[in-house]
């Protein structure tokens, strides 16, 4: 199975995603902010990155841009619960996210996005509950 890095400043989201993906047989590493996530990316190889958009120290857009620059073949799933004037998940898609997830998402949506990325067949759309 795949080695997946999950980056989110919410411990409950990290634990939930880790539990679901580990149950599916994936090896999951976590980071509680974009800065620590990027540090892990410099020391370990990953097959997929799942990152929150809004985080302290380094946000998901910065992580996404860094991945595109240093690991151009590495797929990224961006996730966010924020709603407002601008849809930040659409911005993440424009910056190169392979998939997006709107929080709260369910297990099926998470696995669908992960499987699409790992199979190389992303939907190009937003997944939301």
N, C-alpha and C. Protein backbone atom coordinates (compact mmCIF):
# COMPACT_ATOMS: atom_id res chain seq x y z
N UNK A 1 0.84 -1.18 0.00
CA UNK A 1 0.00 0.00 0.00
C UNK A 1 0.89 1.25 0.00
N UNK A 2 0.26 2.40 0.20
CA UNK A 2 0.97 3.66 0.04
C UNK A 2 1.46 4.24 1.36
N UNK A 3 2.48 5.09 1.25
CA UNK A 3 2.96 5.87 2.39
C UNK A 3 2.40 7.28 2.22
N UNK A 4 1.59 7.70 3.20
CA UNK A 4 0.83 8.94 3.10
C UNK A 4 1.19 9.87 4.25
N UNK A 5 1.42 11.15 3.92
CA UNK A 5 1.65 12.18 4.92
C UNK A 5 0.38 13.00 5.07
N UNK A 6 -0.12 13.12 6.31
CA UNK A 6 -1.30 13.92 6.61
C UNK A 6 -0.87 15.11 7.46
N UNK A 7 -1.20 16.31 6.99
CA UNK A 7 -0.81 17.55 7.67
C UNK A 7 -2.07 18.31 8.07
N UNK A 8 -2.24 18.53 9.36
CA UNK A 8 -3.41 19.27 9.85
C UNK A 8 -3.12 19.73 11.27
N UNK A 9 -3.57 20.92 11.63
CA UNK A 9 -3.35 21.41 12.97
C UNK A 9 -4.40 20.91 13.96
N UNK A 10 -5.38 20.16 13.48
CA UNK A 10 -6.40 19.57 14.34
C UNK A 10 -6.03 18.13 14.68
N UNK A 11 -5.76 17.87 15.94
CA UNK A 11 -5.39 16.52 16.37
C UNK A 11 -6.48 15.52 16.02
N UNK A 12 -7.75 15.89 16.21
CA UNK A 12 -8.84 14.95 15.93
C UNK A 12 -8.89 14.59 14.44
N UNK A 13 -8.63 15.55 13.57
CA UNK A 13 -8.61 15.25 12.13
C UNK A 13 -7.44 14.35 11.80
N UNK A 14 -6.27 14.65 12.36
CA UNK A 14 -5.10 13.79 12.13
C UNK A 14 -5.39 12.35 12.54
N UNK A 15 -5.94 12.18 13.74
CA UNK A 15 -6.22 10.84 14.25
C UNK A 15 -7.27 10.12 13.42
N UNK A 16 -8.32 10.83 13.02
CA UNK A 16 -9.37 10.22 12.21
C UNK A 16 -8.84 9.74 10.87
N UNK A 17 -8.14 10.63 10.16
CA UNK A 17 -7.61 10.26 8.85
C UNK A 17 -6.59 9.14 8.98
N UNK A 18 -5.74 9.23 9.98
CA UNK A 18 -4.74 8.18 10.21
C UNK A 18 -5.42 6.84 10.48
N UNK A 19 -6.44 6.82 11.33
CA UNK A 19 -7.14 5.57 11.64
C UNK A 19 -7.78 4.95 10.40
N UNK A 20 -8.46 5.78 9.61
CA UNK A 20 -9.13 5.28 8.40
C UNK A 20 -8.12 4.71 7.42
N UNK A 21 -7.06 5.46 7.15
CA UNK A 21 -6.09 5.03 6.14
C UNK A 21 -5.23 3.85 6.62
N UNK A 22 -4.92 3.82 7.91
CA UNK A 22 -4.17 2.69 8.45
C UNK A 22 -5.02 1.42 8.37
N UNK A 23 -6.30 1.55 8.65
CA UNK A 23 -7.22 0.41 8.54
C UNK A 23 -7.25 -0.14 7.12
N UNK A 24 -7.05 0.73 6.14
CA UNK A 24 -7.03 0.32 4.73
C UNK A 24 -5.67 -0.25 4.31
N UNK A 25 -4.70 -0.27 5.23
CA UNK A 25 -3.40 -0.86 4.95
C UNK A 25 -2.31 0.11 4.57
N UNK A 26 -2.59 1.40 4.60
CA UNK A 26 -1.59 2.40 4.25
C UNK A 26 -0.70 2.70 5.45
N UNK A 27 0.52 3.12 5.16
CA UNK A 27 1.42 3.63 6.20
C UNK A 27 1.19 5.13 6.26
N UNK A 28 0.83 5.63 7.44
CA UNK A 28 0.46 7.03 7.58
C UNK A 28 1.38 7.72 8.58
N UNK A 29 1.94 8.84 8.17
CA UNK A 29 2.72 9.72 9.03
C UNK A 29 1.95 11.02 9.15
N UNK A 30 2.11 11.72 10.27
CA UNK A 30 1.36 12.96 10.47
C UNK A 30 2.29 14.10 10.85
N UNK A 31 1.78 15.30 10.61
CA UNK A 31 2.45 16.53 11.04
C UNK A 31 1.36 17.51 11.45
N UNK A 32 1.60 18.25 12.54
CA UNK A 32 0.57 19.13 13.08
C UNK A 32 0.63 20.56 12.55
N UNK A 33 1.48 20.82 11.57
CA UNK A 33 1.51 22.12 10.90
C UNK A 33 2.28 21.98 9.58
N UNK A 34 2.09 22.95 8.71
CA UNK A 34 2.74 22.90 7.41
C UNK A 34 4.26 22.89 7.50
N UNK A 35 4.80 23.60 8.46
CA UNK A 35 6.26 23.67 8.61
C UNK A 35 6.83 22.28 8.94
N UNK A 36 6.19 21.57 9.88
CA UNK A 36 6.65 20.22 10.21
C UNK A 36 6.39 19.24 9.06
N UNK A 37 5.31 19.44 8.37
CA UNK A 37 5.01 18.59 7.21
C UNK A 37 6.06 18.73 6.13
N UNK A 38 6.43 19.95 5.83
CA UNK A 38 7.47 20.16 4.82
C UNK A 38 8.80 19.58 5.27
N UNK A 39 9.09 19.65 6.56
CA UNK A 39 10.33 19.06 7.07
C UNK A 39 10.32 17.54 6.86
N UNK A 40 9.19 16.90 7.09
CA UNK A 40 9.09 15.45 6.86
C UNK A 40 9.30 15.12 5.38
N UNK A 41 8.80 15.98 4.52
CA UNK A 41 8.94 15.75 3.08
C UNK A 41 10.39 15.80 2.62
N UNK A 42 11.24 16.49 3.37
CA UNK A 42 12.65 16.56 2.99
C UNK A 42 13.44 15.36 3.47
N UNK A 43 12.87 14.60 4.41
CA UNK A 43 13.62 13.47 4.98
C UNK A 43 13.02 12.10 4.67
N UNK A 44 11.78 12.07 4.18
CA UNK A 44 11.11 10.79 3.91
C UNK A 44 10.38 10.86 2.57
N UNK A 45 10.36 9.74 1.83
CA UNK A 45 9.57 9.71 0.60
C UNK A 45 8.11 9.37 0.91
N UNK A 46 7.20 9.99 0.19
CA UNK A 46 5.77 9.72 0.35
C UNK A 46 5.14 9.50 -1.01
N UNK A 47 4.03 8.76 -1.01
CA UNK A 47 3.26 8.52 -2.23
C UNK A 47 2.13 9.53 -2.40
N UNK A 48 1.74 10.18 -1.29
CA UNK A 48 0.60 11.10 -1.31
C UNK A 48 0.69 12.01 -0.09
N UNK A 49 0.26 13.27 -0.27
CA UNK A 49 0.17 14.22 0.84
C UNK A 49 -1.29 14.68 0.94
N UNK A 50 -1.80 14.69 2.16
CA UNK A 50 -3.12 15.24 2.44
C UNK A 50 -2.90 16.39 3.40
N UNK A 51 -3.30 17.60 3.00
CA UNK A 51 -3.03 18.77 3.85
C UNK A 51 -4.26 19.64 4.04
N UNK A 52 -4.39 20.16 5.24
CA UNK A 52 -5.39 21.18 5.53
C UNK A 52 -4.95 22.46 4.84
N UNK A 53 -5.90 23.33 4.55
CA UNK A 53 -5.56 24.60 3.93
C UNK A 53 -5.15 25.63 4.98
N UNK A 54 -5.95 25.77 6.03
CA UNK A 54 -5.68 26.80 7.05
C UNK A 54 -4.94 26.19 8.23
N UNK A 55 -3.68 26.61 8.41
CA UNK A 55 -2.86 26.15 9.53
C UNK A 55 -1.90 27.27 9.93
N UNK A 56 -1.43 27.23 11.19
CA UNK A 56 -0.44 28.22 11.61
C UNK A 56 0.94 27.89 11.02
N UNK A 57 1.81 28.85 11.04
CA UNK A 57 3.21 28.75 10.62
C UNK A 57 3.39 28.60 9.11
N UNK A 58 2.72 27.67 8.49
CA UNK A 58 2.79 27.49 7.04
C UNK A 58 1.48 26.85 6.61
N UNK A 59 0.73 27.55 5.76
CA UNK A 59 -0.59 27.03 5.39
C UNK A 59 -0.50 25.99 4.27
N UNK A 60 -1.64 25.41 3.96
CA UNK A 60 -1.69 24.36 2.95
C UNK A 60 -1.32 24.83 1.56
N UNK A 61 -1.56 26.11 1.25
CA UNK A 61 -1.15 26.64 -0.05
C UNK A 61 0.37 26.65 -0.17
N UNK A 62 1.04 27.04 0.90
CA UNK A 62 2.51 27.02 0.90
C UNK A 62 3.04 25.60 0.78
N UNK A 63 2.40 24.67 1.48
CA UNK A 63 2.79 23.26 1.36
C UNK A 63 2.60 22.79 -0.07
N UNK A 64 1.46 23.10 -0.65
CA UNK A 64 1.16 22.70 -2.02
C UNK A 64 2.17 23.27 -3.01
N UNK A 65 2.49 24.53 -2.88
CA UNK A 65 3.48 25.15 -3.77
C UNK A 65 4.86 24.49 -3.60
N UNK A 66 5.23 24.19 -2.35
CA UNK A 66 6.50 23.53 -2.09
C UNK A 66 6.56 22.14 -2.69
N UNK A 67 5.47 21.39 -2.58
CA UNK A 67 5.43 20.05 -3.17
C UNK A 67 5.54 20.15 -4.68
N UNK A 68 4.81 21.06 -5.29
CA UNK A 68 4.86 21.23 -6.76
C UNK A 68 6.29 21.55 -7.22
N UNK A 69 6.99 22.36 -6.43
CA UNK A 69 8.34 22.79 -6.78
C UNK A 69 9.38 21.68 -6.57
N UNK A 70 9.32 21.00 -5.41
CA UNK A 70 10.35 20.02 -5.06
C UNK A 70 10.02 18.57 -5.40
N UNK A 71 8.73 18.27 -5.50
CA UNK A 71 8.29 16.89 -5.78
C UNK A 71 7.15 16.95 -6.81
N UNK A 72 7.44 17.34 -8.04
CA UNK A 72 6.38 17.61 -9.01
C UNK A 72 5.45 16.44 -9.30
N UNK A 73 5.87 15.22 -9.11
CA UNK A 73 4.99 14.08 -9.37
C UNK A 73 4.15 13.66 -8.19
N UNK A 74 4.37 14.25 -7.03
CA UNK A 74 3.67 13.87 -5.82
C UNK A 74 2.29 14.51 -5.79
N UNK A 75 1.25 13.69 -5.62
CA UNK A 75 -0.12 14.20 -5.60
C UNK A 75 -0.45 14.73 -4.21
N UNK A 76 -1.31 15.77 -4.19
CA UNK A 76 -1.73 16.42 -2.95
C UNK A 76 -3.25 16.49 -2.93
N UNK A 77 -3.82 16.13 -1.78
CA UNK A 77 -5.24 16.34 -1.52
C UNK A 77 -5.32 17.50 -0.52
N UNK A 78 -6.06 18.55 -0.88
CA UNK A 78 -6.26 19.69 0.02
C UNK A 78 -7.62 19.55 0.68
N UNK A 79 -7.68 19.87 1.98
CA UNK A 79 -8.95 19.80 2.69
C UNK A 79 -9.16 21.06 3.51
N UNK A 80 -10.43 21.44 3.66
CA UNK A 80 -10.75 22.64 4.43
C UNK A 80 -12.21 22.62 4.84
N UNK A 81 -12.48 23.22 5.97
CA UNK A 81 -13.87 23.40 6.40
C UNK A 81 -14.30 24.84 6.23
N UNK A 82 -13.36 25.71 5.94
CA UNK A 82 -13.65 27.14 5.87
C UNK A 82 -14.56 27.46 4.69
N UNK A 83 -15.53 28.29 4.96
CA UNK A 83 -16.39 28.82 3.91
C UNK A 83 -16.35 30.33 4.03
N UNK A 84 -16.58 30.98 2.96
CA UNK A 84 -16.52 32.43 2.98
C UNK A 84 -16.72 32.98 1.59
N UNK A 85 -16.22 34.16 1.39
CA UNK A 85 -16.41 34.85 0.11
C UNK A 85 -15.75 34.07 -1.03
N UNK A 86 -14.58 33.47 -0.76
CA UNK A 86 -13.86 32.73 -1.77
C UNK A 86 -13.79 31.26 -1.38
N UNK A 87 -13.92 30.39 -2.35
CA UNK A 87 -13.81 28.96 -2.10
C UNK A 87 -12.33 28.58 -2.18
N UNK A 88 -11.71 28.41 -1.03
CA UNK A 88 -10.28 28.14 -0.99
C UNK A 88 -9.92 26.77 -1.58
N UNK A 89 -10.86 25.86 -1.63
CA UNK A 89 -10.58 24.57 -2.26
C UNK A 89 -10.45 24.72 -3.77
N UNK A 90 -11.19 25.65 -4.34
CA UNK A 90 -11.02 25.93 -5.78
C UNK A 90 -9.66 26.56 -6.03
N UNK A 91 -9.21 27.39 -5.11
CA UNK A 91 -7.88 27.98 -5.21
C UNK A 91 -6.83 26.86 -5.13
N UNK A 92 -7.02 25.92 -4.21
CA UNK A 92 -6.09 24.79 -4.08
C UNK A 92 -6.03 23.99 -5.37
N UNK A 93 -7.18 23.78 -6.01
CA UNK A 93 -7.19 23.06 -7.30
C UNK A 93 -6.38 23.84 -8.33
N UNK A 94 -6.56 25.14 -8.36
CA UNK A 94 -5.84 25.97 -9.32
C UNK A 94 -4.33 25.93 -9.08
N UNK A 95 -3.93 25.73 -7.82
CA UNK A 95 -2.51 25.66 -7.47
C UNK A 95 -1.93 24.26 -7.68
N UNK A 96 -2.77 23.29 -8.05
CA UNK A 96 -2.26 21.97 -8.37
C UNK A 96 -2.70 20.83 -7.50
N UNK A 97 -3.65 21.05 -6.58
CA UNK A 97 -4.15 19.93 -5.78
C UNK A 97 -4.85 18.94 -6.71
N UNK A 98 -4.54 17.67 -6.56
CA UNK A 98 -5.16 16.64 -7.39
C UNK A 98 -6.61 16.42 -7.00
N UNK A 99 -6.90 16.53 -5.72
CA UNK A 99 -8.25 16.34 -5.18
C UNK A 99 -8.46 17.32 -4.04
N UNK A 100 -9.72 17.57 -3.70
CA UNK A 100 -10.04 18.40 -2.55
C UNK A 100 -11.15 17.73 -1.74
N UNK A 101 -11.14 17.98 -0.45
CA UNK A 101 -12.16 17.46 0.45
C UNK A 101 -12.66 18.59 1.33
N UNK A 102 -13.97 18.75 1.39
CA UNK A 102 -14.55 19.74 2.29
C UNK A 102 -14.90 19.03 3.60
N UNK A 103 -14.39 19.59 4.70
CA UNK A 103 -14.69 19.05 6.02
C UNK A 103 -16.08 19.50 6.45
N UNK A 104 -16.86 18.68 7.09
CA UNK A 104 -16.54 17.30 7.42
C UNK A 104 -16.78 16.39 6.21
N UNK A 105 -15.91 15.46 6.02
CA UNK A 105 -16.08 14.47 4.96
C UNK A 105 -16.28 13.12 5.61
N UNK A 106 -16.81 12.17 4.84
CA UNK A 106 -17.01 10.85 5.40
C UNK A 106 -15.91 9.90 4.92
N UNK A 107 -15.89 8.72 5.47
CA UNK A 107 -14.87 7.73 5.14
C UNK A 107 -14.84 7.43 3.65
N UNK A 108 -16.01 7.27 3.06
CA UNK A 108 -16.10 6.95 1.63
C UNK A 108 -15.47 8.05 0.77
N UNK A 109 -15.75 9.31 1.10
CA UNK A 109 -15.19 10.42 0.34
C UNK A 109 -13.67 10.47 0.46
N UNK A 110 -13.17 10.25 1.67
CA UNK A 110 -11.73 10.24 1.87
C UNK A 110 -11.09 9.13 1.05
N UNK A 111 -11.63 7.93 1.15
CA UNK A 111 -11.04 6.80 0.43
C UNK A 111 -11.16 6.95 -1.08
N UNK A 112 -12.23 7.53 -1.53
CA UNK A 112 -12.42 7.77 -2.96
C UNK A 112 -11.34 8.73 -3.48
N UNK A 113 -11.08 9.81 -2.74
CA UNK A 113 -10.06 10.78 -3.14
C UNK A 113 -8.67 10.16 -3.10
N UNK A 114 -8.37 9.42 -2.03
CA UNK A 114 -7.06 8.78 -1.89
C UNK A 114 -6.85 7.76 -3.00
N UNK A 115 -7.84 6.91 -3.23
CA UNK A 115 -7.71 5.88 -4.27
C UNK A 115 -7.56 6.49 -5.66
N UNK A 116 -8.28 7.58 -5.93
CA UNK A 116 -8.16 8.26 -7.22
C UNK A 116 -6.74 8.80 -7.42
N UNK A 117 -6.19 9.40 -6.38
CA UNK A 117 -4.83 9.94 -6.48
C UNK A 117 -3.81 8.82 -6.68
N UNK A 118 -3.95 7.76 -5.91
CA UNK A 118 -2.97 6.67 -6.00
C UNK A 118 -3.08 5.93 -7.33
N UNK A 119 -4.28 5.92 -7.91
CA UNK A 119 -4.47 5.26 -9.20
C UNK A 119 -4.12 6.19 -10.36
N UNK A 120 -3.92 7.47 -10.04
CA UNK A 120 -3.58 8.44 -11.08
C UNK A 120 -4.77 8.95 -11.85
N UNK A 121 -5.98 8.72 -11.32
CA UNK A 121 -7.19 9.17 -12.02
C UNK A 121 -8.00 10.08 -11.12
N UNK A 122 -7.57 11.33 -11.02
CA UNK A 122 -8.27 12.27 -10.14
C UNK A 122 -9.52 12.81 -10.81
N UNK A 123 -10.47 13.21 -9.99
CA UNK A 123 -11.77 13.63 -10.49
C UNK A 123 -11.77 15.06 -11.02
N UNK A 124 -10.87 15.87 -10.49
CA UNK A 124 -10.86 17.26 -10.90
C UNK A 124 -11.95 18.07 -10.21
N UNK A 125 -12.72 17.44 -9.36
CA UNK A 125 -13.82 18.14 -8.70
C UNK A 125 -13.65 18.21 -7.21
N UNK A 126 -14.59 18.93 -6.59
CA UNK A 126 -14.60 19.04 -5.14
C UNK A 126 -15.43 17.91 -4.57
N UNK A 127 -14.95 17.32 -3.49
CA UNK A 127 -15.70 16.30 -2.79
C UNK A 127 -16.14 16.91 -1.46
N UNK A 128 -17.43 16.85 -1.20
CA UNK A 128 -17.91 17.41 0.07
C UNK A 128 -19.08 16.62 0.57
N UNK A 129 -19.24 16.64 1.89
CA UNK A 129 -20.34 15.91 2.52
C UNK A 129 -21.62 16.69 2.41
